[in-house]
Amino acid sequence: MQLLIIKLAKEELLEDLLTALTASGLDTACIVDSSSIQKFMGQRIPIFAGLRTEMDHYSYCKVIIARVLYPESLEEFRRLLKRSKIDFGDLENGTALLLPCEEL
């Protein structure tokens, strides 16, 4: 089993990403509304308040977590990402990690 963790940085990619997850059988994923550390620092730590406008492009952040049971699901997901032109090699879109894990 593997754990897929995606930090999505562009809101306009969410619908296509969720469609790809669902179509590839990774439909038990969990979506977490989150905040980037840059946004948090700009809002909560006074010394960084002046940088708030520079940090606005970090304002969107969703974390999606899914367990991957079958390699075929992962291959289908990758194919659908490519078709939707979602590239996590471009850090402006976000980051995707795949970690090996085992159940308790």
PDB file of N, CA and C in Angstrom:
ATOM      1  N   MET A   1       0.853  -1.178   0.000  1.00  0.00           N
ATOM      2  CA  MET A   1       0.000   0.000   0.000  1.00  0.00           C
ATOM      3  C   MET A   1       0.893   1.234   0.000  1.00  0.00           C
ATOM      4  N   GLN A   2       0.387   2.297  -0.633  1.00  0.00           N
ATOM      5  CA  GLN A   2       1.093   3.562  -0.675  1.00  0.00           C
ATOM      6  C   GLN A   2       0.151   4.677  -0.238  1.00  0.00           C
ATOM      7  N   LEU A   3       0.737   5.771   0.204  1.00  0.00           N
ATOM      8  CA  LEU A   3      -0.037   6.928   0.611  1.00  0.00           C
ATOM      9  C   LEU A   3       0.293   8.075  -0.334  1.00  0.00           C
ATOM     10  N   LEU A   4      -0.734   8.608  -0.971  1.00  0.00           N
ATOM     11  CA  LEU A   4      -0.591   9.731  -1.881  1.00  0.00           C
ATOM     12  C   LEU A   4      -0.957  11.000  -1.120  1.00  0.00           C
ATOM     13  N   ILE A   5      -0.039  11.963  -1.101  1.00  0.00           N
ATOM     14  CA  ILE A   5      -0.276  13.240  -0.431  1.00  0.00           C
ATOM     15  C   ILE A   5      -0.071  14.342  -1.470  1.00  0.00           C
ATOM     16  N   ILE A   6      -1.098  15.143  -1.649  1.00  0.00           N
ATOM     17  CA  ILE A   6      -1.032  16.237  -2.622  1.00  0.00           C
ATOM     18  C   ILE A   6      -1.286  17.545  -1.889  1.00  0.00           C
ATOM     19  N   LYS A   7      -0.383  18.497  -2.089  1.00  0.00           N
ATOM     20  CA  LYS A   7      -0.601  19.867  -1.616  1.00  0.00           C
ATOM     21  C   LYS A   7      -0.914  20.682  -2.861  1.00  0.00           C
ATOM     22  N   LEU A   8      -2.162  21.055  -3.005  1.00  0.00           N
ATOM     23  CA  LEU A   8      -2.615  21.777  -4.201  1.00  0.00           C
ATOM     24  C   LEU A   8      -2.532  23.278  -3.955  1.00  0.00           C
ATOM     25  N   ALA A   9      -1.862  23.991  -4.854  1.00  0.00           N
ATOM     26  CA  ALA A   9      -1.649  25.422  -4.682  1.00  0.00           C
ATOM     27  C   ALA A   9      -2.484  26.283  -5.621  1.00  0.00           C
ATOM     28  N   LYS A  10      -3.205  25.664  -6.561  1.00  0.00           N
ATOM     29  CA  LYS A  10      -4.031  26.424  -7.502  1.00  0.00           C
ATOM     30  C   LYS A  10      -5.468  25.921  -7.465  1.00  0.00           C
ATOM     31  N   GLU A  11      -6.358  26.804  -7.093  1.00  0.00           N
ATOM     32  CA  GLU A  11      -7.772  26.449  -6.962  1.00  0.00           C
ATOM     33  C   GLU A  11      -8.372  25.960  -8.271  1.00  0.00           C
ATOM     34  N   GLU A  12      -7.927  26.524  -9.392  1.00  0.00           N
ATOM     35  CA  GLU A  12      -8.508  26.162 -10.684  1.00  0.00           C
ATOM     36  C   GLU A  12      -8.194  24.728 -11.097  1.00  0.00           C
ATOM     37  N   LEU A  13      -7.276  24.066 -10.410  1.00  0.00           N
ATOM     38  CA  LEU A  13      -6.942  22.669 -10.716  1.00  0.00           C
ATOM     39  C   LEU A  13      -7.760  21.662  -9.897  1.00  0.00           C
ATOM     40  N   LEU A  14      -8.467  22.143  -8.882  1.00  0.00           N
ATOM     41  CA  LEU A  14      -9.140  21.233  -7.946  1.00  0.00           C
ATOM     42  C   LEU A  14     -10.152  20.318  -8.623  1.00  0.00           C
ATOM     43  N   GLU A  15     -11.012  20.856  -9.458  1.00  0.00           N
ATOM     44  CA  GLU A  15     -12.064  20.038 -10.075  1.00  0.00           C
ATOM     45  C   GLU A  15     -11.472  18.921 -10.944  1.00  0.00           C
ATOM     46  N   ASP A  16     -10.496  19.264 -11.782  1.00  0.00           N
ATOM     47  CA  ASP A  16      -9.865  18.250 -12.633  1.00  0.00           C
ATOM     48  C   ASP A  16      -9.112  17.217 -11.796  1.00  0.00           C
ATOM     49  N   LEU A  17      -8.480  17.673 -10.720  1.00  0.00           N
ATOM     50  CA  LEU A  17      -7.751  16.759  -9.841  1.00  0.00           C
ATOM     51  C   LEU A  17      -8.707  15.777  -9.166  1.00  0.00           C
ATOM     52  N   LEU A  18      -9.814  16.269  -8.657  1.00  0.00           N
ATOM     53  CA  LEU A  18     -10.794  15.393  -7.998  1.00  0.00           C
ATOM     54  C   LEU A  18     -11.429  14.425  -8.996  1.00  0.00           C
ATOM     55  N   THR A  19     -11.650  14.886 -10.206  1.00  0.00           N
ATOM     56  CA  THR A  19     -12.180  14.011 -11.251  1.00  0.00           C
ATOM     57  C   THR A  19     -11.193  12.893 -11.549  1.00  0.00           C
ATOM     58  N   ALA A  20      -9.911  13.227 -11.641  1.00  0.00           N
ATOM     59  CA  ALA A  20      -8.879  12.214 -11.909  1.00  0.00           C
ATOM     60  C   ALA A  20      -8.785  11.215 -10.769  1.00  0.00           C
ATOM     61  N   LEU A  21      -8.861  11.688  -9.539  1.00  0.00           N
ATOM     62  CA  LEU A  21      -8.815  10.783  -8.381  1.00  0.00           C
ATOM     63  C   LEU A  21      -9.995   9.811  -8.415  1.00  0.00           C
ATOM     64  N   THR A  22     -11.182  10.339  -8.625  1.00  0.00           N
ATOM     65  CA  THR A  22     -12.390   9.517  -8.636  1.00  0.00           C
ATOM     66  C   THR A  22     -12.372   8.516  -9.784  1.00  0.00           C
ATOM     67  N   ALA A  23     -12.014   8.971 -10.975  1.00  0.00           N
ATOM     68  CA  ALA A  23     -12.008   8.105 -12.155  1.00  0.00           C
ATOM     69  C   ALA A  23     -10.965   6.998 -12.062  1.00  0.00           C
ATOM     70  N   SER A  24      -9.926   7.212 -11.271  1.00  0.00           N
ATOM     71  CA  SER A  24      -8.885   6.193 -11.145  1.00  0.00           C
ATOM     72  C   SER A  24      -9.113   5.271  -9.949  1.00  0.00           C
ATOM     73  N   GLY A  25     -10.232   5.441  -9.255  1.00  0.00           N
ATOM     74  CA  GLY A  25     -10.550   4.561  -8.131  1.00  0.00           C
ATOM     75  C   GLY A  25      -9.976   5.024  -6.809  1.00  0.00           C
ATOM     76  N   LEU A  26      -9.455   6.232  -6.767  1.00  0.00           N
ATOM     77  CA  LEU A  26      -8.903   6.765  -5.513  1.00  0.00           C
ATOM     78  C   LEU A  26      -9.923   7.707  -4.876  1.00  0.00           C
ATOM     79  N   ASP A  27     -11.156   7.236  -4.807  1.00  0.00           N
ATOM     80  CA  ASP A  27     -12.260   8.087  -4.377  1.00  0.00           C
ATOM     81  C   ASP A  27     -12.512   8.093  -2.873  1.00  0.00           C
ATOM     82  N   THR A  28     -11.625   7.481  -2.096  1.00  0.00           N
ATOM     83  CA  THR A  28     -11.763   7.546  -0.643  1.00  0.00           C
ATOM     84  C   THR A  28     -10.812   8.587  -0.059  1.00  0.00           C
ATOM     85  N   ALA A  29     -10.310   9.472  -0.900  1.00  0.00           N
ATOM     86  CA  ALA A  29      -9.368  10.499  -0.468  1.00  0.00           C
ATOM     87  C   ALA A  29     -10.025  11.461   0.517  1.00  0.00           C
ATOM     88  N   CYS A  30      -9.189  12.084   1.296  1.00  0.00           N
ATOM     89  CA  CYS A  30      -9.616  13.075   2.281  1.00  0.00           C
ATOM     90  C   CYS A  30      -9.065  14.429   1.837  1.00  0.00           C
ATOM     91  N   ILE A  31      -9.903  15.455   1.873  1.00  0.00           N
ATOM     92  CA  ILE A  31      -9.490  16.802   1.491  1.00  0.00           C
ATOM     93  C   ILE A  31      -9.462  17.667   2.743  1.00  0.00           C
ATOM     94  N   VAL A  32      -8.327  18.316   2.957  1.00  0.00           N
ATOM     95  CA  VAL A  32      -8.149  19.160   4.134  1.00  0.00           C
ATOM     96  C   VAL A  32      -7.947  20.601   3.682  1.00  0.00           C
ATOM     97  N   ASP A  33      -8.790  21.510   4.166  1.00  0.00           N
ATOM     98  CA  ASP A  33      -8.552  22.935   3.923  1.00  0.00           C
ATOM     99  C   ASP A  33      -7.405  23.341   4.831  1.00  0.00           C
ATOM    100  N   SER A  34      -6.427  23.992   4.259  1.00  0.00           N
ATOM    101  CA  SER A  34      -5.247  24.330   5.038  1.00  0.00           C
ATOM    102  C   SER A  34      -4.758  25.720   4.674  1.00  0.00           C
ATOM    103  N   SER A  35      -3.677  26.107   5.279  1.00  0.00           N
ATOM    104  CA  SER A  35      -3.092  27.408   5.042  1.00  0.00           C
ATOM    105  C   SER A  35      -1.591  27.242   4.917  1.00  0.00           C
ATOM    106  N   SER A  36      -0.992  27.988   4.015  1.00  0.00           N
ATOM    107  CA  SER A  36       0.456  27.919   3.876  1.00  0.00           C
ATOM    108  C   SER A  36       1.115  28.651   5.043  1.00  0.00           C
ATOM    109  N   ILE A  37       2.335  28.282   5.327  1.00  0.00           N
ATOM    110  CA  ILE A  37       3.058  28.942   6.416  1.00  0.00           C
ATOM    111  C   ILE A  37       3.299  30.414   6.084  1.00  0.00           C
ATOM    112  N   GLN A  38       3.484  30.729   4.800  1.00  0.00           N
ATOM    113  CA  GLN A  38       3.698  32.114   4.402  1.00  0.00           C
ATOM    114  C   GLN A  38       2.467  32.966   4.726  1.00  0.00           C
ATOM    115  N   LYS A  39       1.286  32.443   4.404  1.00  0.00           N
ATOM    116  CA  LYS A  39       0.055  33.177   4.698  1.00  0.00           C
ATOM    117  C   LYS A  39      -0.129  33.323   6.201  1.00  0.00           C
ATOM    118  N   PHE A  40       0.109  32.259   6.936  1.00  0.00           N
ATOM    119  CA  PHE A  40      -0.029  32.283   8.389  1.00  0.00           C
ATOM    120  C   PHE A  40       0.888  33.339   8.996  1.00  0.00           C
ATOM    121  N   MET A  41       2.148  33.339   8.565  1.00  0.00           N
ATOM    122  CA  MET A  41       3.109  34.298   9.101  1.00  0.00           C
ATOM    123  C   MET A  41       2.693  35.736   8.787  1.00  0.00           C
ATOM    124  N   GLY A  42       2.229  35.970   7.576  1.00  0.00           N
ATOM    125  CA  GLY A  42       1.795  37.309   7.192  1.00  0.00           C
ATOM    126  C   GLY A  42       0.609  37.811   7.982  1.00  0.00           C
ATOM    127  N   GLN A  43      -0.254  36.901   8.412  1.00  0.00           N
ATOM    128  CA  GLN A  43      -1.459  37.289   9.146  1.00  0.00           C
ATOM    129  C   GLN A  43      -1.266  37.318  10.656  1.00  0.00           C
ATOM    130  N   ARG A  44      -0.404  36.451  11.180  1.00  0.00           N
ATOM    131  CA  ARG A  44      -0.331  36.264  12.630  1.00  0.00           C
ATOM    132  C   ARG A  44       0.930  36.765  13.318  1.00  0.00           C
ATOM    133  N   ILE A  45       1.990  36.926  12.590  1.00  0.00           N
ATOM    134  CA  ILE A  45       3.247  37.332  13.210  1.00  0.00           C
ATOM    135  C   ILE A  45       3.547  38.762  12.769  1.00  0.00           C
ATOM    136  N   PRO A  46       3.487  39.707  13.691  1.00  0.00           N
ATOM    137  CA  PRO A  46       3.573  41.127  13.334  1.00  0.00           C
ATOM    138  C   PRO A  46       4.773  41.511  12.472  1.00  0.00           C
ATOM    139  N   ILE A  47       5.913  40.931  12.689  1.00  0.00           N
ATOM    140  CA  ILE A  47       7.102  41.311  11.931  1.00  0.00           C
ATOM    141  C   ILE A  47       6.963  41.010  10.439  1.00  0.00           C
ATOM    142  N   PHE A  48       6.093  40.042  10.089  1.00  0.00           N
ATOM    143  CA  PHE A  48       5.892  39.674   8.687  1.00  0.00           C
ATOM    144  C   PHE A  48       4.658  40.333   8.068  1.00  0.00           C
ATOM    145  N   ALA A  49       3.931  41.134   8.844  1.00  0.00           N
ATOM    146  CA  ALA A  49       2.690  41.739   8.345  1.00  0.00           C
ATOM    147  C   ALA A  49       2.930  42.613   7.119  1.00  0.00           C
ATOM    148  N   GLY A  50       4.068  43.279   7.044  1.00  0.00           N
ATOM    149  CA  GLY A  50       4.378  44.117   5.894  1.00  0.00           C
ATOM    150  C   GLY A  50       4.585  43.339   4.617  1.00  0.00           C
ATOM    151  N   LEU A  51       4.848  42.060   4.726  1.00  0.00           N
ATOM    152  CA  LEU A  51       5.070  41.209   3.560  1.00  0.00           C
ATOM    153  C   LEU A  51       3.789  40.569   3.046  1.00  0.00           C
ATOM    154  N   ARG A  52       2.666  40.878   3.660  1.00  0.00           N
ATOM    155  CA  ARG A  52       1.406  40.211   3.349  1.00  0.00           C
ATOM    156  C   ARG A  52       1.059  40.256   1.865  1.00  0.00           C
ATOM    157  N   THR A  53       1.251  41.389   1.216  1.00  0.00           N
ATOM    158  CA  THR A  53       0.899  41.472  -0.199  1.00  0.00           C
ATOM    159  C   THR A  53       1.803  40.594  -1.058  1.00  0.00           C
ATOM    160  N   GLU A  54       3.062  40.450  -0.665  1.00  0.00           N
ATOM    161  CA  GLU A  54       3.965  39.583  -1.408  1.00  0.00           C
ATOM    162  C   GLU A  54       3.607  38.111  -1.231  1.00  0.00           C
ATOM    163  N   MET A  55       2.941  37.780  -0.146  1.00  0.00           N
ATOM    164  CA  MET A  55       2.606  36.398   0.152  1.00  0.00           C
ATOM    165  C   MET A  55       1.211  36.013  -0.311  1.00  0.00           C
ATOM    166  N   ASP A  56       0.483  36.928  -0.958  1.00  0.00           N
ATOM    167  CA  ASP A  56      -0.884  36.644  -1.403  1.00  0.00           C
ATOM    168  C   ASP A  56      -0.963  35.471  -2.371  1.00  0.00           C
ATOM    169  N   HIS A  57       0.068  35.245  -3.176  1.00  0.00           N
ATOM    170  CA  HIS A  57       0.002  34.132  -4.128  1.00  0.00           C
ATOM    171  C   HIS A  57       0.121  32.784  -3.427  1.00  0.00           C
ATOM    172  N   TYR A  58       0.329  32.786  -2.124  1.00  0.00           N
ATOM    173  CA  TYR A  58       0.347  31.544  -1.346  1.00  0.00           C
ATOM    174  C   TYR A  58      -0.980  31.328  -0.620  1.00  0.00           C
ATOM    175  N   SER A  59      -2.027  32.041  -1.013  1.00  0.00           N
ATOM    176  CA  SER A  59      -3.252  32.036  -0.228  1.00  0.00           C
ATOM    177  C   SER A  59      -4.081  30.749  -0.363  1.00  0.00           C
ATOM    178  N   TYR A  60      -3.958  30.022  -1.464  1.00  0.00           N
ATOM    179  CA  TYR A  60      -4.764  28.814  -1.653  1.00  0.00           C
ATOM    180  C   TYR A  60      -3.937  27.586  -1.298  1.00  0.00           C
ATOM    181  N   CYS A  61      -4.517  26.720  -0.489  1.00  0.00           N
ATOM    182  CA  CYS A  61      -3.803  25.500  -0.110  1.00  0.00           C
ATOM    183  C   CYS A  61      -4.808  24.433   0.318  1.00  0.00           C
ATOM    184  N   LYS A  62      -4.838  23.345  -0.416  1.00  0.00           N
ATOM    185  CA  LYS A  62      -5.641  22.171  -0.042  1.00  0.00           C
ATOM    186  C   LYS A  62      -4.691  20.989   0.041  1.00  0.00           C
ATOM    187  N   VAL A  63      -4.901  20.145   1.027  1.00  0.00           N
ATOM    188  CA  VAL A  63      -4.113  18.926   1.153  1.00  0.00           C
ATOM    189  C   VAL A  63      -5.060  17.755   0.919  1.00  0.00           C
ATOM    190  N   ILE A  64      -4.673  16.883   0.005  1.00  0.00           N
ATOM    191  CA  ILE A  64      -5.492  15.723  -0.345  1.00  0.00           C
ATOM    192  C   ILE A  64      -4.674  14.477  -0.013  1.00  0.00           C
ATOM    193  N   ILE A  65      -5.277  13.590   0.735  1.00  0.00           N
ATOM    194  CA  ILE A  65      -4.600  12.370   1.167  1.00  0.00           C
ATOM    195  C   ILE A  65      -5.420  11.169   0.711  1.00  0.00           C
ATOM    196  N   ALA A  66      -4.754  10.238   0.044  1.00  0.00           N
ATOM    197  CA  ALA A  66      -5.453   9.039  -0.443  1.00  0.00           C
ATOM    198  C   ALA A  66      -4.541   7.824  -0.292  1.00  0.00           C
ATOM    199  N   ARG A  67      -5.140   6.713   0.064  1.00  0.00           N
ATOM    200  CA  ARG A  67      -4.338   5.491   0.072  1.00  0.00           C
ATOM    201  C   ARG A  67      -4.481   4.826  -1.287  1.00  0.00           C
ATOM    202  N   VAL A  68      -3.371   4.297  -1.745  1.00  0.00           N
ATOM    203  CA  VAL A  68      -3.322   3.654  -3.055  1.00  0.00           C
ATOM    204  C   VAL A  68      -3.108   2.164  -2.819  1.00  0.00           C
ATOM    205  N   LEU A  69      -4.129   1.377  -3.088  1.00  0.00           N
ATOM    206  CA  LEU A  69      -4.040  -0.065  -2.867  1.00  0.00           C
ATOM    207  C   LEU A  69      -3.506  -0.802  -4.085  1.00  0.00           C
ATOM    208  N   TYR A  70      -3.815  -0.278  -5.277  1.00  0.00           N
ATOM    209  CA  TYR A  70      -3.479  -0.997  -6.506  1.00  0.00           C
ATOM    210  C   TYR A  70      -2.621  -0.133  -7.425  1.00  0.00           C
ATOM    211  N   PRO A  71      -1.529  -0.671  -7.929  1.00  0.00           N
ATOM    212  CA  PRO A  71      -0.663   0.077  -8.857  1.00  0.00           C
ATOM    213  C   PRO A  71      -1.414   0.573 -10.095  1.00  0.00           C
ATOM    214  N   GLU A  72      -2.420  -0.186 -10.533  1.00  0.00           N
ATOM    215  CA  GLU A  72      -3.188   0.219 -11.708  1.00  0.00           C
ATOM    216  C   GLU A  72      -3.912   1.547 -11.463  1.00  0.00           C
ATOM    217  N   SER A  73      -4.398   1.737 -10.248  1.00  0.00           N
ATOM    218  CA  SER A  73      -5.074   2.999  -9.906  1.00  0.00           C
ATOM    219  C   SER A  73      -4.117   4.166 -10.027  1.00  0.00           C
ATOM    220  N   LEU A  74      -2.904   3.970  -9.572  1.00  0.00           N
ATOM    221  CA  LEU A  74      -1.904   5.022  -9.636  1.00  0.00           C
ATOM    222  C   LEU A  74      -1.526   5.345 -11.075  1.00  0.00           C
ATOM    223  N   GLU A  75      -1.373   4.326 -11.900  1.00  0.00           N
ATOM    224  CA  GLU A  75      -1.050   4.554 -13.313  1.00  0.00           C
ATOM    225  C   GLU A  75      -2.176   5.299 -14.028  1.00  0.00           C
ATOM    226  N   GLU A  76      -3.417   4.921 -13.735  1.00  0.00           N
ATOM    227  CA  GLU A  76      -4.569   5.609 -14.331  1.00  0.00           C
ATOM    228  C   GLU A  76      -4.611   7.067 -13.860  1.00  0.00           C
ATOM    229  N   PHE A  77      -4.343   7.289 -12.593  1.00  0.00           N
ATOM    230  CA  PHE A  77      -4.330   8.647 -12.048  1.00  0.00           C
ATOM    231  C   PHE A  77      -3.275   9.501 -12.756  1.00  0.00           C
ATOM    232  N   ARG A  78      -2.085   8.950 -12.928  1.00  0.00           N
ATOM    233  CA  ARG A  78      -1.021   9.679 -13.629  1.00  0.00           C
ATOM    234  C   ARG A  78      -1.421  10.010 -15.070  1.00  0.00           C
ATOM    235  N   ARG A  79      -2.068   9.054 -15.738  1.00  0.00           N
ATOM    236  CA  ARG A  79      -2.508   9.270 -17.114  1.00  0.00           C
ATOM    237  C   ARG A  79      -3.541  10.392 -17.185  1.00  0.00           C
ATOM    238  N   LEU A  80      -4.473  10.390 -16.232  1.00  0.00           N
ATOM    239  CA  LEU A  80      -5.512  11.414 -16.211  1.00  0.00           C
ATOM    240  C   LEU A  80      -4.952  12.790 -15.850  1.00  0.00           C
ATOM    241  N   LEU A  81      -3.959  12.832 -14.980  1.00  0.00           N
ATOM    242  CA  LEU A  81      -3.307  14.103 -14.671  1.00  0.00           C
ATOM    243  C   LEU A  81      -2.667  14.689 -15.921  1.00  0.00           C
ATOM    244  N   LYS A  82      -1.977  13.827 -16.658  1.00  0.00           N
ATOM    245  CA  LYS A  82      -1.304  14.267 -17.876  1.00  0.00           C
ATOM    246  C   LYS A  82      -2.317  14.799 -18.888  1.00  0.00           C
ATOM    247  N   ARG A  83      -3.433  14.089 -19.035  1.00  0.00           N
ATOM    248  CA  ARG A  83      -4.468  14.514 -19.973  1.00  0.00           C
ATOM    249  C   ARG A  83      -5.082  15.860 -19.559  1.00  0.00           C
ATOM    250  N   SER A  84      -5.186  16.088 -18.252  1.00  0.00           N
ATOM    251  CA  SER A  84      -5.736  17.351 -17.739  1.00  0.00           C
ATOM    252  C   SER A  84      -4.682  18.455 -17.661  1.00  0.00           C
ATOM    253  N   LYS A  85      -3.451  18.122 -18.050  1.00  0.00           N
ATOM    254  CA  LYS A  85      -2.338  19.078 -18.012  1.00  0.00           C
ATOM    255  C   LYS A  85      -2.054  19.578 -16.600  1.00  0.00           C
ATOM    256  N   ILE A  86      -2.176  18.671 -15.625  1.00  0.00           N
ATOM    257  CA  ILE A  86      -1.796  18.982 -14.250  1.00  0.00           C
ATOM    258  C   ILE A  86      -0.410  18.400 -14.033  1.00  0.00           C
ATOM    259  N   ASP A  87       0.552  19.288 -13.831  1.00  0.00           N
ATOM    260  CA  ASP A  87       1.948  18.883 -13.709  1.00  0.00           C
ATOM    261  C   ASP A  87       2.490  19.306 -12.346  1.00  0.00           C
ATOM    262  N   PHE A  88       2.753  18.333 -11.483  1.00  0.00           N
ATOM    263  CA  PHE A  88       3.301  18.649 -10.175  1.00  0.00           C
ATOM    264  C   PHE A  88       4.813  18.834 -10.214  1.00  0.00           C
ATOM    265  N   GLY A  89       5.402  18.728 -11.405  1.00  0.00           N
ATOM    266  CA  GLY A  89       6.788  19.116 -11.582  1.00  0.00           C
ATOM    267  C   GLY A  89       6.914  20.636 -11.524  1.00  0.00           C
ATOM    268  N   ASP A  90       5.811  21.330 -11.800  1.00  0.00           N
ATOM    269  CA  ASP A  90       5.731  22.784 -11.687  1.00  0.00           C
ATOM    270  C   ASP A  90       5.247  23.102 -10.268  1.00  0.00           C
ATOM    271  N   LEU A  91       6.131  23.588  -9.425  1.00  0.00           N
ATOM    272  CA  LEU A  91       5.808  23.818  -8.017  1.00  0.00           C
ATOM    273  C   LEU A  91       4.730  24.878  -7.801  1.00  0.00           C
ATOM    274  N   GLU A  92       4.453  25.683  -8.827  1.00  0.00           N
ATOM    275  CA  GLU A  92       3.356  26.657  -8.714  1.00  0.00           C
ATOM    276  C   GLU A  92       2.006  25.946  -8.603  1.00  0.00           C
ATOM    277  N   ASN A  93       1.912  24.725  -9.134  1.00  0.00           N
ATOM    278  CA  ASN A  93       0.674  23.942  -9.048  1.00  0.00           C
ATOM    279  C   ASN A  93       0.522  23.260  -7.697  1.00  0.00           C
ATOM    280  N   GLY A  94       1.636  22.953  -7.066  1.00  0.00           N
ATOM    281  CA  GLY A  94       1.619  22.236  -5.802  1.00  0.00           C
ATOM    282  C   GLY A  94       2.643  21.121  -5.815  1.00  0.00           C
ATOM    283  N   THR A  95       2.457  20.184  -4.922  1.00  0.00           N
ATOM    284  CA  THR A  95       3.388  19.073  -4.763  1.00  0.00           C
ATOM    285  C   THR A  95       2.602  17.787  -4.581  1.00  0.00           C
ATOM    286  N   ALA A  96       3.106  16.701  -5.149  1.00  0.00           N
ATOM    287  CA  ALA A  96       2.498  15.386  -4.949  1.00  0.00           C
ATOM    288  C   ALA A  96       3.586  14.431  -4.480  1.00  0.00           C
ATOM    289  N   LEU A  97       3.292  13.707  -3.421  1.00  0.00           N
ATOM    290  CA  LEU A  97       4.234  12.738  -2.861  1.00  0.00           C
ATOM    291  C   LEU A  97       3.566  11.377  -2.777  1.00  0.00           C
ATOM    292  N   LEU A  98       4.338  10.355  -2.973  1.00  0.00           N
ATOM    293  CA  LEU A  98       3.852   8.984  -2.850  1.00  0.00           C
ATOM    294  C   LEU A  98       4.769   8.273  -1.862  1.00  0.00           C
ATOM    295  N   LEU A  99       4.196   7.795  -0.769  1.00  0.00           N
ATOM    296  CA  LEU A  99       4.983   7.185   0.293  1.00  0.00           C
ATOM    297  C   LEU A  99       4.568   5.736   0.504  1.00  0.00           C
ATOM    298  N   PRO A 100       5.534   4.837   0.654  1.00  0.00           N
ATOM    299  CA  PRO A 100       5.170   3.465   1.010  1.00  0.00           C
ATOM    300  C   PRO A 100       4.717   3.436   2.466  1.00  0.00           C
ATOM    301  N   CYS A 101       3.727   2.611   2.760  1.00  0.00           N
ATOM    302  CA  CYS A 101       3.247   2.509   4.138  1.00  0.00           C
ATOM    303  C   CYS A 101       2.594   1.146   4.346  1.00  0.00           C
ATOM    304  N   GLU A 102       2.329   0.874   5.603  1.00  0.00           N
ATOM    305  CA  GLU A 102       1.604  -0.359   5.930  1.00  0.00           C
ATOM    306  C   GLU A 102       0.529  -0.030   6.951  1.00  0.00           C
ATOM    307  N   GLU A 103      -0.531  -0.810   6.899  1.00  0.00           N
ATOM    308  CA  GLU A 103      -1.632  -0.586   7.827  1.00  0.00           C
ATOM    309  C   GLU A 103      -1.297  -1.109   9.196  1.00  0.00           C
ATOM    310  N   LEU A 104      -1.896  -0.503  10.201  1.00  0.00           N
ATOM    311  CA  LEU A 104      -1.723  -0.978  11.584  1.00  0.00           C
ATOM    312  C   LEU A 104      -2.644  -2.131  11.867  1.00  0.00           C
TER     313      LEU A 104
END
